[in-house]
C-alpha atoms as a PDB file:
ATOM      1  CA  MET A   1      -5.975   6.074 -16.923  1.00  0.00           C
ATOM      2  CA  THR A   2      -7.683   2.996 -14.657  1.00  0.00           C
ATOM      3  CA  GLY A   3      -5.776  -0.275 -15.011  1.00  0.00           C
ATOM      4  CA  SER A   4      -2.928   1.332 -16.849  1.00  0.00           C
ATOM      5  CA  ALA A   5       0.597   1.047 -16.321  1.00  0.00           C
ATOM      6  CA  THR A   6       0.842   4.477 -15.688  1.00  0.00           C
ATOM      7  CA  LEU A   7      -1.808   4.495 -12.832  1.00  0.00           C
ATOM      8  CA  SER A   8       0.079   1.439 -11.563  1.00  0.00           C
ATOM      9  CA  ARG A   9       3.505   2.683 -11.513  1.00  0.00           C
ATOM     10  CA  ALA A  10       2.281   6.143  -9.816  1.00  0.00           C
ATOM     11  CA  LEU A  11       0.618   3.773  -7.186  1.00  0.00           C
ATOM     12  CA  ALA A  12       3.702   2.147  -6.497  1.00  0.00           C
ATOM     13  CA  GLN A  13       5.955   4.707  -6.170  1.00  0.00           C
ATOM     14  CA  ASP A  14       3.436   7.144  -4.349  1.00  0.00           C
ATOM     15  CA  PHE A  15      -0.035   7.065  -4.340  1.00  0.00           C
ATOM     16  CA  ARG A  16      -0.324  10.813  -3.520  1.00  0.00           C
ATOM     17  CA  SER A  17       0.969  11.526  -7.172  1.00  0.00           C
ATOM     18  CA  ALA A  18      -1.693   9.363  -9.010  1.00  0.00           C
ATOM     19  CA  ALA A  19      -4.623  10.725 -10.429  1.00  0.00           C
ATOM     20  CA  LEU A  20      -7.368   9.075  -8.073  1.00  0.00           C
ATOM     21  CA  ALA A  21     -11.047   9.509  -7.383  1.00  0.00           C
ATOM     22  CA  PRO A  22     -11.304  11.109  -3.522  1.00  0.00           C
ATOM     23  CA  ALA A  23     -12.592   8.150  -2.052  1.00  0.00           C
ATOM     24  CA  ASP A  24     -10.048   5.808  -3.552  1.00  0.00           C
ATOM     25  CA  ARG A  25      -7.660   8.426  -1.915  1.00  0.00           C
ATOM     26  CA  THR A  26      -9.206   8.365   1.366  1.00  0.00           C
ATOM     27  CA  MET A  27      -9.140   4.939   1.474  1.00  0.00           C
ATOM     28  CA  LEU A  28      -5.314   4.627   0.612  1.00  0.00           C
ATOM     29  CA  GLU A  29      -4.411   7.333   3.369  1.00  0.00           C
ATOM     30  CA  TYR A  30      -6.228   5.326   5.765  1.00  0.00           C
ATOM     31  CA  SER A  31      -4.386   1.908   4.728  1.00  0.00           C
ATOM     32  CA  VAL A  32      -1.192   3.916   5.253  1.00  0.00           C
ATOM     33  CA  ALA A  33      -2.090   5.202   8.817  1.00  0.00           C
ATOM     34  CA  LEU A  34      -2.925   1.864   9.767  1.00  0.00           C
ATOM     35  CA  THR A  35       0.275   0.715   8.599  1.00  0.00           C
ATOM     36  CA  VAL A  36       2.162   3.105  10.358  1.00  0.00           C
ATOM     37  CA  ARG A  37       0.104   3.735  13.289  1.00  0.00           C
ATOM     38  CA  PRO A  38      -2.143   0.233  13.690  1.00  0.00           C
ATOM     39  CA  HIS A  39      -3.939   1.799  16.658  1.00  0.00           C
ATOM     40  CA  GLY A  40      -6.323   3.730  14.466  1.00  0.00           C
ATOM     41  CA  SER A  41      -8.827   6.743  15.089  1.00  0.00           C
ATOM     42  CA  ASP A  42     -12.426   7.264  15.093  1.00  0.00           C
ATOM     43  CA  ALA A  43     -11.655  10.170  12.777  1.00  0.00           C
ATOM     44  CA  GLN A  44     -10.180   8.156  10.149  1.00  0.00           C
ATOM     45  CA  ILE A  45     -13.012   5.554  10.089  1.00  0.00           C
ATOM     46  CA  ASP A  46     -15.296   8.699  10.178  1.00  0.00           C
ATOM     47  CA  GLY A  47     -13.534   9.786   6.915  1.00  0.00           C
ATOM     48  CA  LEU A  48     -14.087   6.630   5.084  1.00  0.00           C
ATOM     49  CA  ARG A  49     -17.558   6.606   6.046  1.00  0.00           C
ATOM     50  CA  GLU A  50     -17.861  10.406   4.646  1.00  0.00           C
ATOM     51  CA  ALA A  51     -16.021   9.269   1.253  1.00  0.00           C
ATOM     52  CA  GLY A  52     -19.016   6.617   0.971  1.00  0.00           C
ATOM     53  CA  PHE A  53     -17.676   3.312   2.524  1.00  0.00           C
ATOM     54  CA  ASP A  54     -20.260   1.563   4.522  1.00  0.00           C
ATOM     55  CA  ASP A  55     -19.270  -0.741   7.692  1.00  0.00           C
ATOM     56  CA  ARG A  56     -18.670  -3.852   5.253  1.00  0.00           C
ATOM     57  CA  ALA A  57     -16.328  -1.887   3.071  1.00  0.00           C
ATOM     58  CA  ILE A  58     -14.355  -0.385   6.119  1.00  0.00           C
ATOM     59  CA  LEU A  59     -13.990  -3.798   7.327  1.00  0.00           C
ATOM     60  CA  ASP A  60     -12.627  -5.210   4.188  1.00  0.00           C
ATOM     61  CA  ILE A  61      -9.928  -2.169   3.766  1.00  0.00           C
ATOM     62  CA  CYS A  62      -8.982  -2.926   7.217  1.00  0.00           C
ATOM     63  CA  GLN A  63      -8.728  -6.435   6.656  1.00  0.00           C
ATOM     64  CA  VAL A  64      -6.808  -6.383   3.192  1.00  0.00           C
ATOM     65  CA  THR A  65      -4.331  -3.716   4.558  1.00  0.00           C
ATOM     66  CA  ALA A  66      -3.890  -6.016   7.724  1.00  0.00           C
ATOM     67  CA  TYR A  67      -3.162  -9.124   5.535  1.00  0.00           C
ATOM     68  CA  TYR A  68      -0.756  -7.423   3.405  1.00  0.00           C
ATOM     69  CA  ASN A  69       1.329  -5.936   6.403  1.00  0.00           C
ATOM     70  CA  TYR A  70       1.730  -9.502   8.004  1.00  0.00           C
ATOM     71  CA  VAL A  71       2.599 -11.040   4.701  1.00  0.00           C
ATOM     72  CA  ASN A  72       5.309  -8.211   4.306  1.00  0.00           C
ATOM     73  CA  ARG A  73       6.647  -8.312   7.940  1.00  0.00           C
ATOM     74  CA  LEU A  74       7.073 -12.095   7.397  1.00  0.00           C
ATOM     75  CA  ALA A  75       8.850 -11.996   4.313  1.00  0.00           C
ATOM     76  CA  ASP A  76      10.795  -9.166   5.690  1.00  0.00           C
ATOM     77  CA  GLY A  77      11.566 -11.053   9.031  1.00  0.00           C
ATOM     78  CA  LEU A  78      12.651 -14.248   7.085  1.00  0.00           C
ATOM     79  CA  GLY A  79      14.941 -12.483   4.549  1.00  0.00           C
ATOM     80  CA  VAL A  80      12.617 -13.332   1.910  1.00  0.00           C
ATOM     81  CA  ASP A  81      13.751 -11.488  -1.311  1.00  0.00           C
ATOM     82  CA  LEU A  82      11.909 -10.258  -4.402  1.00  0.00           C
ATOM     83  CA  GLU A  83      11.475 -13.380  -6.910  1.00  0.00           C
ATOM     84  CA  SER A  84      14.631 -13.094  -9.334  1.00  0.00           C
ATOM     85  CA  HIS A  85      13.295 -14.956 -12.010  1.00  0.00           C
ATOM     86  CA  TRP A  86      10.564 -11.668 -12.262  1.00  0.00           C
ATOM     87  CA  GLU A  87      11.316  -9.965 -15.671  1.00  0.00           C
ATOM     88  CA  GLU A  88      11.496  -6.171 -15.308  1.00  0.00           C
ATOM     89  CA  ASP A  89       8.246  -5.630 -17.656  1.00  0.00           C
ATOM     90  CA  GLU A  90       6.329  -7.753 -14.766  1.00  0.00           C
ATOM     91  CA  LEU A  91       7.249  -5.497 -12.151  1.00  0.00           C
ATOM     92  CA  THR A  92       5.389  -1.893 -11.110  1.00  0.00           C
ATOM     93  CA  ILE A  93       8.613  -0.689 -10.373  1.00  0.00           C
ATOM     94  CA  THR A  94      11.931  -1.340 -11.291  1.00  0.00           C
ATOM     95  CA  ARG A  95      14.337  -4.450  -9.456  1.00  0.00           C
ATOM     96  CA  GLU A  96      16.445  -1.402  -8.806  1.00  0.00           C
ATOM     97  CA  GLU A  97      13.811   0.857  -7.106  1.00  0.00           C
ATOM     98  CA  PHE A  98      12.545  -2.531  -4.987  1.00  0.00           C
ATOM     99  CA  ASP A  99      15.892  -2.982  -3.455  1.00  0.00           C
ATOM    100  CA  ARG A 100      16.424   0.683  -2.818  1.00  0.00           C
ATOM    101  CA  ARG A 101      13.455   0.365  -0.650  1.00  0.00           C
ATOM    102  CA  VAL A 102      14.468  -2.720   1.035  1.00  0.00           C
ATOM    103  CA  THR A 103      17.850  -0.754   1.923  1.00  0.00           C
ATOM    104  CA  ASP A 104      16.191   2.120   3.106  1.00  0.00           C
ATOM    105  CA  ARG A 105      13.891   0.086   5.005  1.00  0.00           C
ATOM    106  CA  LYS A 106      16.747  -1.886   6.764  1.00  0.00           C
ATOM    107  CA  ARG A 107      18.517   1.484   7.633  1.00  0.00           C
ATOM    108  CA  SER A 108      15.552   2.950   9.248  1.00  0.00           C
ATOM    109  CA  PRO A 109      14.448   2.075  12.881  1.00  0.00           C
END
């Protein structure tokens, strides 16, 4: 399933439903935790190490997650919308799903 549209869609909707290797799941759990609670914890870093990630890989995971959080917050803060010229088949989730997520995020404190 690697590289498939099915995997991409499952990851975009909820990675927990995707068929992933344990190390990939641990990496994504860390990324979500870093996004929601940016202070992190030693236990999360230990979990990444136990999953086979070395210090350089952990730094890469942290930097990529932080960068995407920065860019998304910048776009959200400026009210940047999804590109209107994108076709439905170019998106991992539908335009309706995207719009619903944006609306839900605006409602959440």
